[in-house]
Amino acid sequence: MVGEVNKIIFNMLISGQGAYLPEIGTLYIERQGARKIASNKLMNPRNIVRFTSQVQATSLVEEIAKIANCEVAQAQDIYDRWRAKTQVGNSVTIEGVGKLTDKSFAVESGFNKTINPQGVKTIIVRRHKSHAWLFILSGVCIVVALGIFAFLLWGDAPKTIVTAPAVTEQPAPAEVVAEPTDSLSAVEGTTSTAESTEPAEVVEPTPTSREYAHYVVMGIFSEEANATRAAEQVKSKIVDADCVIRPFKNKHMVTVFGSDSRAECNTFAKSYLDIYPDLWIYDNK
């Protein structure tokens, strides 16, 4: 009789429903995740038998009555006799399953293999040595190499050629005044530092002897003195600039390059976008 009741408890547990032992408590199986047991050791996920004094499963008496096809009173008598033979003090021994002592349940090895067919294993976690210093060293080397490359490429070069999209044609507006990159103001009615002081003696650039079909324009100024200063500034920044001040609708247009080929004008303008980003092409009609 004791063996049959033990088998009923066994089947109730492995089925996942658990077993409530009247006046004792409930036994049930719980899935436990991986658990760290040392700094470099993990116990793999496994099933364990838990105990609680609360009623959280089907009563063993009801299960006996159902399996034995008997009355509940008779099933209660079977349970009482089973309990008298398996319980000693605060311990209940269930052969084939384990032993309950107070509120702690120790699983037998055979039952443990049944609920953990893959076994209970200890996983060794191997820590890899940090190679962060290699990444730091590589980063430093890359920065140094880029610095050397930049110095060789731009350090002694007379100009910087910047790859940029083709210059879009910008028709010269009648009343727009282009402003040079230095602090020279060419807008009508605007007072600048250069205009508020006595201008230094400058030499007006001499126009070239021939006319071109296209020009690269730096800006249009209302005052001729401002146009002259802008032309001097361009010549100081662009060594191969051909600065010419041309009349344009009662104003003064400063061109820095001229050619019969629009493609050549575009190439010239793109080469100096980093210095004068507002260069545009004027078609001499």
C-alpha atoms as a PDB file:
ATOM      1  CA  MET A   1       0.000   0.000   0.000  1.00  0.00           C
ATOM      2  CA  VAL A   2       2.838   2.445   0.856  1.00  0.00           C
ATOM      3  CA  GLY A   3       4.548   1.755  -2.463  1.00  0.00           C
ATOM      4  CA  GLU A   4       1.348   2.423  -4.431  1.00  0.00           C
ATOM      5  CA  VAL A   5       0.817   5.793  -2.719  1.00  0.00           C
ATOM      6  CA  ASN A   6       4.460   6.712  -3.360  1.00  0.00           C
ATOM      7  CA  LYS A   7       3.914   5.964  -7.079  1.00  0.00           C
ATOM      8  CA  ILE A   8       0.835   8.197  -7.108  1.00  0.00           C
ATOM      9  CA  ILE A   9       2.898  11.085  -5.646  1.00  0.00           C
ATOM     10  CA  PHE A  10       5.640  10.348  -8.209  1.00  0.00           C
ATOM     11  CA  ASN A  11       3.198  10.585 -11.111  1.00  0.00           C
ATOM     12  CA  MET A  12       1.499  13.707  -9.743  1.00  0.00           C
ATOM     13  CA  LEU A  13       4.860  15.488  -9.572  1.00  0.00           C
ATOM     14  CA  ILE A  14       6.225  14.550 -12.992  1.00  0.00           C
ATOM     15  CA  SER A  15       2.875  15.416 -14.592  1.00  0.00           C
ATOM     16  CA  GLY A  16       3.378  18.985 -13.398  1.00  0.00           C
ATOM     17  CA  GLN A  17       0.251  19.235 -11.266  1.00  0.00           C
ATOM     18  CA  GLY A  18       1.989  18.802  -7.894  1.00  0.00           C
ATOM     19  CA  ALA A  19       0.645  16.934  -4.848  1.00  0.00           C
ATOM     20  CA  TYR A  20      -0.986  18.339  -1.747  1.00  0.00           C
ATOM     21  CA  LEU A  21      -0.405  16.190   1.324  1.00  0.00           C
ATOM     22  CA  PRO A  22      -3.190  17.038   3.795  1.00  0.00           C
ATOM     23  CA  GLU A  23      -1.942  18.494   7.095  1.00  0.00           C
ATOM     24  CA  ILE A  24       1.627  18.585   5.664  1.00  0.00           C
ATOM     25  CA  GLY A  25       1.837  20.806   2.583  1.00  0.00           C
ATOM     26  CA  THR A  26       2.289  20.861  -1.180  1.00  0.00           C
ATOM     27  CA  LEU A  27       5.128  19.386  -3.218  1.00  0.00           C
ATOM     28  CA  TYR A  28       5.606  20.688  -6.784  1.00  0.00           C
ATOM     29  CA  ILE A  29       8.293  20.901  -9.457  1.00  0.00           C
ATOM     30  CA  GLU A  30       9.762  24.299 -10.357  1.00  0.00           C
ATOM     31  CA  ARG A  31      12.037  25.230 -13.251  1.00  0.00           C
ATOM     32  CA  GLN A  32      15.118  27.022 -11.972  1.00  0.00           C
ATOM     33  CA  GLY A  33      17.377  29.069 -14.243  1.00  0.00           C
ATOM     34  CA  ALA A  34      21.161  28.953 -14.342  1.00  0.00           C
ATOM     35  CA  ARG A  35      22.615  29.855 -10.976  1.00  0.00           C
ATOM     36  CA  LYS A  36      26.037  31.263 -10.150  1.00  0.00           C
ATOM     37  CA  ILE A  37      27.778  29.107  -7.550  1.00  0.00           C
ATOM     38  CA  ALA A  38      31.257  30.646  -7.804  1.00  0.00           C
ATOM     39  CA  SER A  39      32.986  33.552  -9.519  1.00  0.00           C
ATOM     40  CA  ASN A  40      33.676  31.393 -12.575  1.00  0.00           C
ATOM     41  CA  LYS A  41      31.095  28.617 -12.204  1.00  0.00           C
ATOM     42  CA  LEU A  42      27.422  28.343 -13.179  1.00  0.00           C
ATOM     43  CA  MET A  43      24.935  25.575 -12.518  1.00  0.00           C
ATOM     44  CA  ASN A  44      22.867  24.894 -15.635  1.00  0.00           C
ATOM     45  CA  PRO A  45      19.048  25.366 -15.657  1.00  0.00           C
ATOM     46  CA  ARG A  46      17.240  22.443 -13.973  1.00  0.00           C
ATOM     47  CA  ASN A  47      14.015  21.237 -12.370  1.00  0.00           C
ATOM     48  CA  ILE A  48      13.797  21.101  -8.587  1.00  0.00           C
ATOM     49  CA  VAL A  49      11.141  19.957  -6.096  1.00  0.00           C
ATOM     50  CA  ARG A  50       9.725  22.754  -3.982  1.00  0.00           C
ATOM     51  CA  PHE A  51       7.613  22.578  -0.788  1.00  0.00           C
ATOM     52  CA  THR A  52       5.051  25.017   0.535  1.00  0.00           C
ATOM     53  CA  SER A  53       2.670  24.677   3.450  1.00  0.00           C
ATOM     54  CA  GLN A  54      -0.090  26.287   1.318  1.00  0.00           C
ATOM     55  CA  VAL A  55      -2.654  24.292  -0.672  1.00  0.00           C
ATOM     56  CA  GLN A  56      -1.447  24.724  -4.269  1.00  0.00           C
ATOM     57  CA  ALA A  57      -2.193  21.369  -5.903  1.00  0.00           C
ATOM     58  CA  THR A  58      -4.640  18.495  -6.067  1.00  0.00           C
ATOM     59  CA  SER A  59      -5.124  16.673  -2.768  1.00  0.00           C
ATOM     60  CA  LEU A  60      -3.423  13.293  -2.525  1.00  0.00           C
ATOM     61  CA  VAL A  61      -6.602  11.909  -0.887  1.00  0.00           C
ATOM     62  CA  GLU A  62      -8.701  12.939  -3.910  1.00  0.00           C
ATOM     63  CA  GLU A  63      -6.150  11.425  -6.282  1.00  0.00           C
ATOM     64  CA  ILE A  64      -6.186   8.121  -4.324  1.00  0.00           C
ATOM     65  CA  ALA A  65     -10.001   8.041  -4.460  1.00  0.00           C
ATOM     66  CA  LYS A  66      -9.961   8.637  -8.222  1.00  0.00           C
ATOM     67  CA  ILE A  67      -7.296   6.024  -8.976  1.00  0.00           C
ATOM     68  CA  ALA A  68      -8.626   3.382  -6.527  1.00  0.00           C
ATOM     69  CA  ASN A  69     -12.218   4.150  -7.542  1.00  0.00           C
ATOM     70  CA  CYS A  70     -13.269   4.326  -3.931  1.00  0.00           C
ATOM     71  CA  GLU A  71     -15.016   6.694  -1.553  1.00  0.00           C
ATOM     72  CA  VAL A  72     -13.174   9.717  -0.174  1.00  0.00           C
ATOM     73  CA  ALA A  73     -13.459   8.321   3.365  1.00  0.00           C
ATOM     74  CA  GLN A  74     -11.744   5.124   2.278  1.00  0.00           C
ATOM     75  CA  ALA A  75      -9.083   7.127   0.441  1.00  0.00           C
ATOM     76  CA  GLN A  76      -8.537   9.198   3.594  1.00  0.00           C
ATOM     77  CA  ASP A  77      -7.999   5.983   5.564  1.00  0.00           C
ATOM     78  CA  ILE A  78      -5.387   4.829   3.004  1.00  0.00           C
ATOM     79  CA  TYR A  79      -3.641   8.199   3.242  1.00  0.00           C
ATOM     80  CA  ASP A  80      -3.618   8.102   7.082  1.00  0.00           C
ATOM     81  CA  ARG A  81      -2.057   4.640   7.115  1.00  0.00           C
ATOM     82  CA  TRP A  82       0.531   5.719   4.493  1.00  0.00           C
ATOM     83  CA  ARG A  83       1.398   8.759   6.552  1.00  0.00           C
ATOM     84  CA  ALA A  84       1.749   6.695   9.749  1.00  0.00           C
ATOM     85  CA  LYS A  85       4.324   4.478   8.012  1.00  0.00           C
ATOM     86  CA  THR A  86       6.319   7.251   6.251  1.00  0.00           C
ATOM     87  CA  GLN A  87       6.308  10.137   8.743  1.00  0.00           C
ATOM     88  CA  VAL A  88       8.705  10.178  11.657  1.00  0.00           C
ATOM     89  CA  GLY A  89       8.583  13.403  13.619  1.00  0.00           C
ATOM     90  CA  ASN A  90       9.065  16.291  11.182  1.00  0.00           C
ATOM     91  CA  SER A  91      10.311  14.031   8.366  1.00  0.00           C
ATOM     92  CA  VAL A  92       8.299  12.302   5.640  1.00  0.00           C
ATOM     93  CA  THR A  93      10.117   9.763   3.439  1.00  0.00           C
ATOM     94  CA  ILE A  94       8.663   9.128  -0.023  1.00  0.00           C
ATOM     95  CA  GLU A  95      10.616   6.267  -1.574  1.00  0.00           C
ATOM     96  CA  GLY A  96      11.460   6.895  -5.225  1.00  0.00           C
ATOM     97  CA  VAL A  97      10.938  10.652  -4.797  1.00  0.00           C
ATOM     98  CA  GLY A  98      12.782  12.042  -1.786  1.00  0.00           C
ATOM     99  CA  LYS A  99      12.587  13.085   1.841  1.00  0.00           C
ATOM    100  CA  LEU A 100      10.799  16.076   3.367  1.00  0.00           C
ATOM    101  CA  THR A 101      12.337  17.425   6.563  1.00  0.00           C
ATOM    102  CA  ASP A 102      10.489  20.360   8.059  1.00  0.00           C
ATOM    103  CA  LYS A 103      10.139  22.586   4.952  1.00  0.00           C
ATOM    104  CA  SER A 104      13.179  21.299   3.077  1.00  0.00           C
ATOM    105  CA  PHE A 105      12.850  18.545   0.470  1.00  0.00           C
ATOM    106  CA  ALA A 106      15.835  16.394  -0.543  1.00  0.00           C
ATOM    107  CA  VAL A 107      15.343  14.688  -3.919  1.00  0.00           C
ATOM    108  CA  GLU A 108      16.541  11.137  -4.501  1.00  0.00           C
ATOM    109  CA  SER A 109      19.095  10.779  -7.293  1.00  0.00           C
ATOM    110  CA  GLY A 110      16.822   8.538  -9.354  1.00  0.00           C
ATOM    111  CA  PHE A 111      13.937  11.025  -9.275  1.00  0.00           C
ATOM    112  CA  ASN A 112      16.359  13.860  -9.994  1.00  0.00           C
ATOM    113  CA  LYS A 113      17.463  12.080 -13.181  1.00  0.00           C
ATOM    114  CA  THR A 114      13.825  11.624 -14.140  1.00  0.00           C
ATOM    115  CA  ILE A 115      12.987  15.330 -13.925  1.00  0.00           C
ATOM    116  CA  ASN A 116      16.419  16.377 -15.317  1.00  0.00           C
ATOM    117  CA  PRO A 117      17.151  13.963 -18.180  1.00  0.00           C
ATOM    118  CA  GLN A 118      19.995  16.206 -19.393  1.00  0.00           C
ATOM    119  CA  GLY A 119      21.596  16.047 -15.979  1.00  0.00           C
ATOM    120  CA  VAL A 120      22.712  18.774 -13.607  1.00  0.00           C
ATOM    121  CA  LYS A 121      26.003  20.214 -14.745  1.00  0.00           C
ATOM    122  CA  THR A 122      28.442  22.838 -13.582  1.00  0.00           C
ATOM    123  CA  ILE A 123      29.525  25.246 -16.318  1.00  0.00           C
ATOM    124  CA  ILE A 124      33.004  26.756 -16.096  1.00  0.00           C
ATOM    125  CA  VAL A 125      33.066  30.368 -17.283  1.00  0.00           C
ATOM    126  CA  ARG A 126      36.417  31.197 -18.792  1.00  0.00           C
ATOM    127  CA  ARG A 127      37.250  34.879 -18.683  1.00  0.00           C
ATOM    128  CA  HIS A 128      39.059  36.227 -21.685  1.00  0.00           C
ATOM    129  CA  LYS A 129      41.916  38.592 -21.137  1.00  0.00           C
ATOM    130  CA  SER A 130      41.104  42.150 -21.995  1.00  0.00           C
ATOM    131  CA  HIS A 131      42.694  43.472 -25.161  1.00  0.00           C
ATOM    132  CA  ALA A 132      41.394  47.001 -24.754  1.00  0.00           C
ATOM    133  CA  TRP A 133      44.957  48.336 -24.784  1.00  0.00           C
ATOM    134  CA  LEU A 134      45.350  47.078 -28.358  1.00  0.00           C
ATOM    135  CA  PHE A 135      42.318  49.096 -29.479  1.00  0.00           C
ATOM    136  CA  ILE A 136      43.617  52.184 -27.677  1.00  0.00           C
ATOM    137  CA  LEU A 137      47.068  51.789 -29.234  1.00  0.00           C
ATOM    138  CA  SER A 138      45.527  51.267 -32.678  1.00  0.00           C
ATOM    139  CA  GLY A 139      43.430  54.404 -32.253  1.00  0.00           C
ATOM    140  CA  VAL A 140      46.477  56.472 -31.282  1.00  0.00           C
ATOM    141  CA  CYS A 141      48.420  55.152 -34.282  1.00  0.00           C
ATOM    142  CA  ILE A 142      45.557  56.005 -36.635  1.00  0.00           C
ATOM    143  CA  VAL A 143      45.293  59.555 -35.263  1.00  0.00           C
ATOM    144  CA  VAL A 144      49.067  60.070 -35.629  1.00  0.00           C
ATOM    145  CA  ALA A 145      49.035  58.655 -39.162  1.00  0.00           C
ATOM    146  CA  LEU A 146      46.145  60.914 -40.164  1.00  0.00           C
ATOM    147  CA  GLY A 147      47.961  63.899 -38.717  1.00  0.00           C
ATOM    148  CA  ILE A 148      51.121  63.121 -40.712  1.00  0.00           C
ATOM    149  CA  PHE A 149      49.093  62.517 -43.850  1.00  0.00           C
ATOM    150  CA  ALA A 150      47.231  65.802 -43.426  1.00  0.00           C
ATOM    151  CA  PHE A 151      50.492  67.693 -42.917  1.00  0.00           C
ATOM    152  CA  LEU A 152      52.080  66.146 -46.022  1.00  0.00           C
ATOM    153  CA  LEU A 153      48.967  66.801 -48.062  1.00  0.00           C
ATOM    154  CA  TRP A 154      48.122  70.346 -46.948  1.00  0.00           C
ATOM    155  CA  GLY A 155      51.014  71.619 -44.851  1.00  0.00           C
ATOM    156  CA  ASP A 156      53.066  73.218 -47.675  1.00  0.00           C
ATOM    157  CA  ALA A 157      50.490  73.270 -50.446  1.00  0.00           C
ATOM    158  CA  PRO A 158      49.614  76.723 -51.880  1.00  0.00           C
ATOM    159  CA  LYS A 159      45.959  75.786 -52.074  1.00  0.00           C
ATOM    160  CA  THR A 160      43.491  73.154 -50.947  1.00  0.00           C
ATOM    161  CA  ILE A 161      41.408  71.433 -53.578  1.00  0.00           C
ATOM    162  CA  VAL A 162      38.075  70.369 -52.121  1.00  0.00           C
ATOM    163  CA  THR A 163      35.861  67.923 -53.954  1.00  0.00           C
ATOM    164  CA  ALA A 164      32.414  69.444 -54.116  1.00  0.00           C
ATOM    165  CA  PRO A 165      29.358  69.289 -56.319  1.00  0.00           C
ATOM    166  CA  ALA A 166      29.430  71.314 -59.523  1.00  0.00           C
ATOM    167  CA  VAL A 167      28.834  74.995 -58.960  1.00  0.00           C
ATOM    168  CA  THR A 168      25.243  75.850 -59.655  1.00  0.00           C
ATOM    169  CA  GLU A 169      24.615  78.751 -61.937  1.00  0.00           C
ATOM    170  CA  GLN A 170      23.539  81.742 -59.943  1.00  0.00           C
ATOM    171  CA  PRO A 171      22.265  84.678 -62.035  1.00  0.00           C
ATOM    172  CA  ALA A 172      23.479  87.924 -60.558  1.00  0.00           C
ATOM    173  CA  PRO A 173      20.581  89.710 -58.867  1.00  0.00           C
ATOM    174  CA  ALA A 174      20.299  93.370 -59.741  1.00  0.00           C
ATOM    175  CA  GLU A 175      20.512  94.695 -56.193  1.00  0.00           C
ATOM    176  CA  VAL A 176      22.414  91.935 -54.337  1.00  0.00           C
ATOM    177  CA  VAL A 177      25.784  92.832 -52.928  1.00  0.00           C
ATOM    178  CA  ALA A 178      28.173  89.895 -52.265  1.00  0.00           C
ATOM    179  CA  GLU A 179      30.205  90.111 -49.080  1.00  0.00           C
ATOM    180  CA  PRO A 180      33.877  88.988 -49.014  1.00  0.00           C
ATOM    181  CA  THR A 181      34.868  86.454 -46.347  1.00  0.00           C
ATOM    182  CA  ASP A 182      36.942  88.974 -44.408  1.00  0.00           C
ATOM    183  CA  SER A 183      35.117  91.569 -42.322  1.00  0.00           C
ATOM    184  CA  LEU A 184      34.661  93.881 -45.312  1.00  0.00           C
ATOM    185  CA  SER A 185      31.039  95.070 -45.647  1.00  0.00           C
ATOM    186  CA  ALA A 186      29.811  95.977 -49.133  1.00  0.00           C
ATOM    187  CA  VAL A 187      26.110  96.409 -48.425  1.00  0.00           C
ATOM    188  CA  GLU A 188      24.688  99.849 -49.084  1.00  0.00           C
ATOM    189  CA  GLY A 189      24.245 101.926 -45.934  1.00  0.00           C
ATOM    190  CA  THR A 190      26.254  99.472 -43.724  1.00  0.00           C
ATOM    191  CA  THR A 191      29.146 100.985 -41.793  1.00  0.00           C
ATOM    192  CA  SER A 192      32.199  98.680 -41.541  1.00  0.00           C
ATOM    193  CA  THR A 193      35.539  99.009 -39.794  1.00  0.00           C
ATOM    194  CA  ALA A 194      37.292  99.260 -43.141  1.00  0.00           C
ATOM    195  CA  GLU A 195      35.108 102.232 -44.234  1.00  0.00           C
ATOM    196  CA  SER A 196      35.267 104.059 -40.893  1.00  0.00           C
ATOM    197  CA  THR A 197      39.052 104.422 -41.035  1.00  0.00           C
ATOM    198  CA  GLU A 198      41.322 106.073 -43.548  1.00  0.00           C
ATOM    199  CA  PRO A 199      41.780 103.497 -46.356  1.00  0.00           C
ATOM    200  CA  ALA A 200      45.361 102.550 -47.183  1.00  0.00           C
ATOM    201  CA  GLU A 201      46.716 103.291 -50.605  1.00  0.00           C
ATOM    202  CA  VAL A 202      45.917 100.369 -52.913  1.00  0.00           C
ATOM    203  CA  VAL A 203      46.669  99.660 -56.539  1.00  0.00           C
ATOM    204  CA  GLU A 204      43.635  98.890 -58.666  1.00  0.00           C
ATOM    205  CA  PRO A 205      44.118  95.653 -60.658  1.00  0.00           C
ATOM    206  CA  THR A 206      44.509  96.165 -64.373  1.00  0.00           C
ATOM    207  CA  PRO A 207      41.834  94.445 -66.490  1.00  0.00           C
ATOM    208  CA  THR A 208      43.010  91.795 -68.919  1.00  0.00           C
ATOM    209  CA  SER A 209      43.288  92.760 -72.572  1.00  0.00           C
ATOM    210  CA  ARG A 210      40.676  90.333 -73.835  1.00  0.00           C
ATOM    211  CA  GLU A 211      37.087  89.420 -73.041  1.00  0.00           C
ATOM    212  CA  TYR A 212      35.951  85.901 -72.056  1.00  0.00           C
ATOM    213  CA  ALA A 213      32.611  84.198 -72.514  1.00  0.00           C
ATOM    214  CA  HIS A 214      32.407  83.180 -68.842  1.00  0.00           C
ATOM    215  CA  TYR A 215      33.753  84.573 -65.553  1.00  0.00           C
ATOM    216  CA  VAL A 216      34.012  83.343 -61.968  1.00  0.00           C
ATOM    217  CA  VAL A 217      32.547  86.130 -59.810  1.00  0.00           C
ATOM    218  CA  MET A 218      33.625  86.823 -56.240  1.00  0.00           C
ATOM    219  CA  GLY A 219      31.124  89.620 -55.542  1.00  0.00           C
ATOM    220  CA  ILE A 220      29.381  92.837 -56.658  1.00  0.00           C
ATOM    221  CA  PHE A 221      29.947  96.071 -54.720  1.00  0.00           C
ATOM    222  CA  SER A 222      28.303  99.459 -54.688  1.00  0.00           C
ATOM    223  CA  GLU A 223      31.547 101.284 -53.812  1.00  0.00           C
ATOM    224  CA  GLU A 224      34.578 100.971 -56.060  1.00  0.00           C
ATOM    225  CA  ALA A 225      36.912 101.234 -53.060  1.00  0.00           C
ATOM    226  CA  ASN A 226      35.269  98.181 -51.512  1.00  0.00           C
ATOM    227  CA  ALA A 227      35.606  96.270 -54.781  1.00  0.00           C
ATOM    228  CA  THR A 228      39.309  97.196 -54.938  1.00  0.00           C
ATOM    229  CA  ARG A 229      39.942  95.983 -51.378  1.00  0.00           C
ATOM    230  CA  ALA A 230      38.073  92.747 -52.137  1.00  0.00           C
ATOM    231  CA  ALA A 231      40.198  92.162 -55.231  1.00  0.00           C
ATOM    232  CA  GLU A 232      43.385  92.673 -53.196  1.00  0.00           C
ATOM    233  CA  GLN A 233      42.164  90.221 -50.582  1.00  0.00           C
ATOM    234  CA  VAL A 234      41.439  87.606 -53.261  1.00  0.00           C
ATOM    235  CA  LYS A 235      44.908  88.025 -54.742  1.00  0.00           C
ATOM    236  CA  SER A 236      46.448  87.510 -51.315  1.00  0.00           C
ATOM    237  CA  LYS A 237      44.529  84.244 -50.829  1.00  0.00           C
ATOM    238  CA  ILE A 238      44.436  82.805 -54.386  1.00  0.00           C
ATOM    239  CA  VAL A 239      47.823  83.038 -56.049  1.00  0.00           C
ATOM    240  CA  ASP A 240      46.568  82.220 -59.556  1.00  0.00           C
ATOM    241  CA  ALA A 241      43.522  84.499 -59.437  1.00  0.00           C
ATOM    242  CA  ASP A 242      43.045  86.912 -62.369  1.00  0.00           C
ATOM    243  CA  CYS A 243      41.194  89.684 -60.527  1.00  0.00           C
ATOM    244  CA  VAL A 244      39.377  92.203 -62.681  1.00  0.00           C
ATOM    245  CA  ILE A 245      36.864  94.860 -61.621  1.00  0.00           C
ATOM    246  CA  ARG A 246      34.125  95.144 -64.226  1.00  0.00           C
ATOM    247  CA  PRO A 247      31.166  97.548 -64.410  1.00  0.00           C
ATOM    248  CA  PHE A 248      27.836  95.843 -63.767  1.00  0.00           C
ATOM    249  CA  LYS A 249      24.537  97.791 -63.623  1.00  0.00           C
ATOM    250  CA  ASN A 250      26.041 100.895 -62.001  1.00  0.00           C
ATOM    251  CA  LYS A 251      28.013  98.688 -59.597  1.00  0.00           C
ATOM    252  CA  HIS A 252      31.435  97.035 -59.554  1.00  0.00           C
ATOM    253  CA  MET A 253      31.762  93.286 -60.208  1.00  0.00           C
ATOM    254  CA  VAL A 254      34.962  91.530 -59.051  1.00  0.00           C
ATOM    255  CA  THR A 255      35.862  88.531 -61.240  1.00  0.00           C
ATOM    256  CA  VAL A 256      38.698  86.195 -60.278  1.00  0.00           C
ATOM    257  CA  PHE A 257      38.936  83.979 -63.352  1.00  0.00           C
ATOM    258  CA  GLY A 258      37.830  84.107 -66.974  1.00  0.00           C
ATOM    259  CA  SER A 259      37.582  81.515 -69.755  1.00  0.00           C
ATOM    260  CA  ASP A 260      35.637  80.699 -72.883  1.00  0.00           C
ATOM    261  CA  SER A 261      34.986  77.283 -71.327  1.00  0.00           C
ATOM    262  CA  ARG A 262      32.306  77.086 -68.643  1.00  0.00           C
ATOM    263  CA  ALA A 263      33.797  73.752 -67.488  1.00  0.00           C
ATOM    264  CA  GLU A 264      37.108  75.489 -66.718  1.00  0.00           C
ATOM    265  CA  CYS A 265      35.259  78.133 -64.708  1.00  0.00           C
ATOM    266  CA  ASN A 266      33.432  75.446 -62.757  1.00  0.00           C
ATOM    267  CA  THR A 267      36.717  73.653 -62.010  1.00  0.00           C
ATOM    268  CA  PHE A 268      38.337  76.873 -60.807  1.00  0.00           C
ATOM    269  CA  ALA A 269      35.383  77.736 -58.556  1.00  0.00           C
ATOM    270  CA  LYS A 270      35.297  74.248 -57.013  1.00  0.00           C
ATOM    271  CA  SER A 271      39.008  74.464 -56.223  1.00  0.00           C
ATOM    272  CA  TYR A 272      38.461  77.447 -53.905  1.00  0.00           C
ATOM    273  CA  LEU A 273      35.081  76.694 -52.329  1.00  0.00           C
ATOM    274  CA  ASP A 274      36.809  76.240 -48.964  1.00  0.00           C
ATOM    275  CA  ILE A 275      38.031  79.871 -49.131  1.00  0.00           C
ATOM    276  CA  TYR A 276      35.179  81.547 -51.033  1.00  0.00           C
ATOM    277  CA  PRO A 277      32.063  79.330 -50.930  1.00  0.00           C
ATOM    278  CA  ASP A 278      29.911  81.935 -52.711  1.00  0.00           C
ATOM    279  CA  LEU A 279      31.771  81.942 -56.065  1.00  0.00           C
ATOM    280  CA  TRP A 280      29.411  81.795 -59.048  1.00  0.00           C
ATOM    281  CA  ILE A 281      29.600  81.812 -62.851  1.00  0.00           C
ATOM    282  CA  TYR A 282      28.702  84.886 -64.914  1.00  0.00           C
ATOM    283  CA  ASP A 283      27.981  84.485 -68.619  1.00  0.00           C
ATOM    284  CA  ASN A 284      29.303  87.452 -70.552  1.00  0.00           C
ATOM    285  CA  LYS A 285      26.626  88.065 -73.191  1.00  0.00           C
END
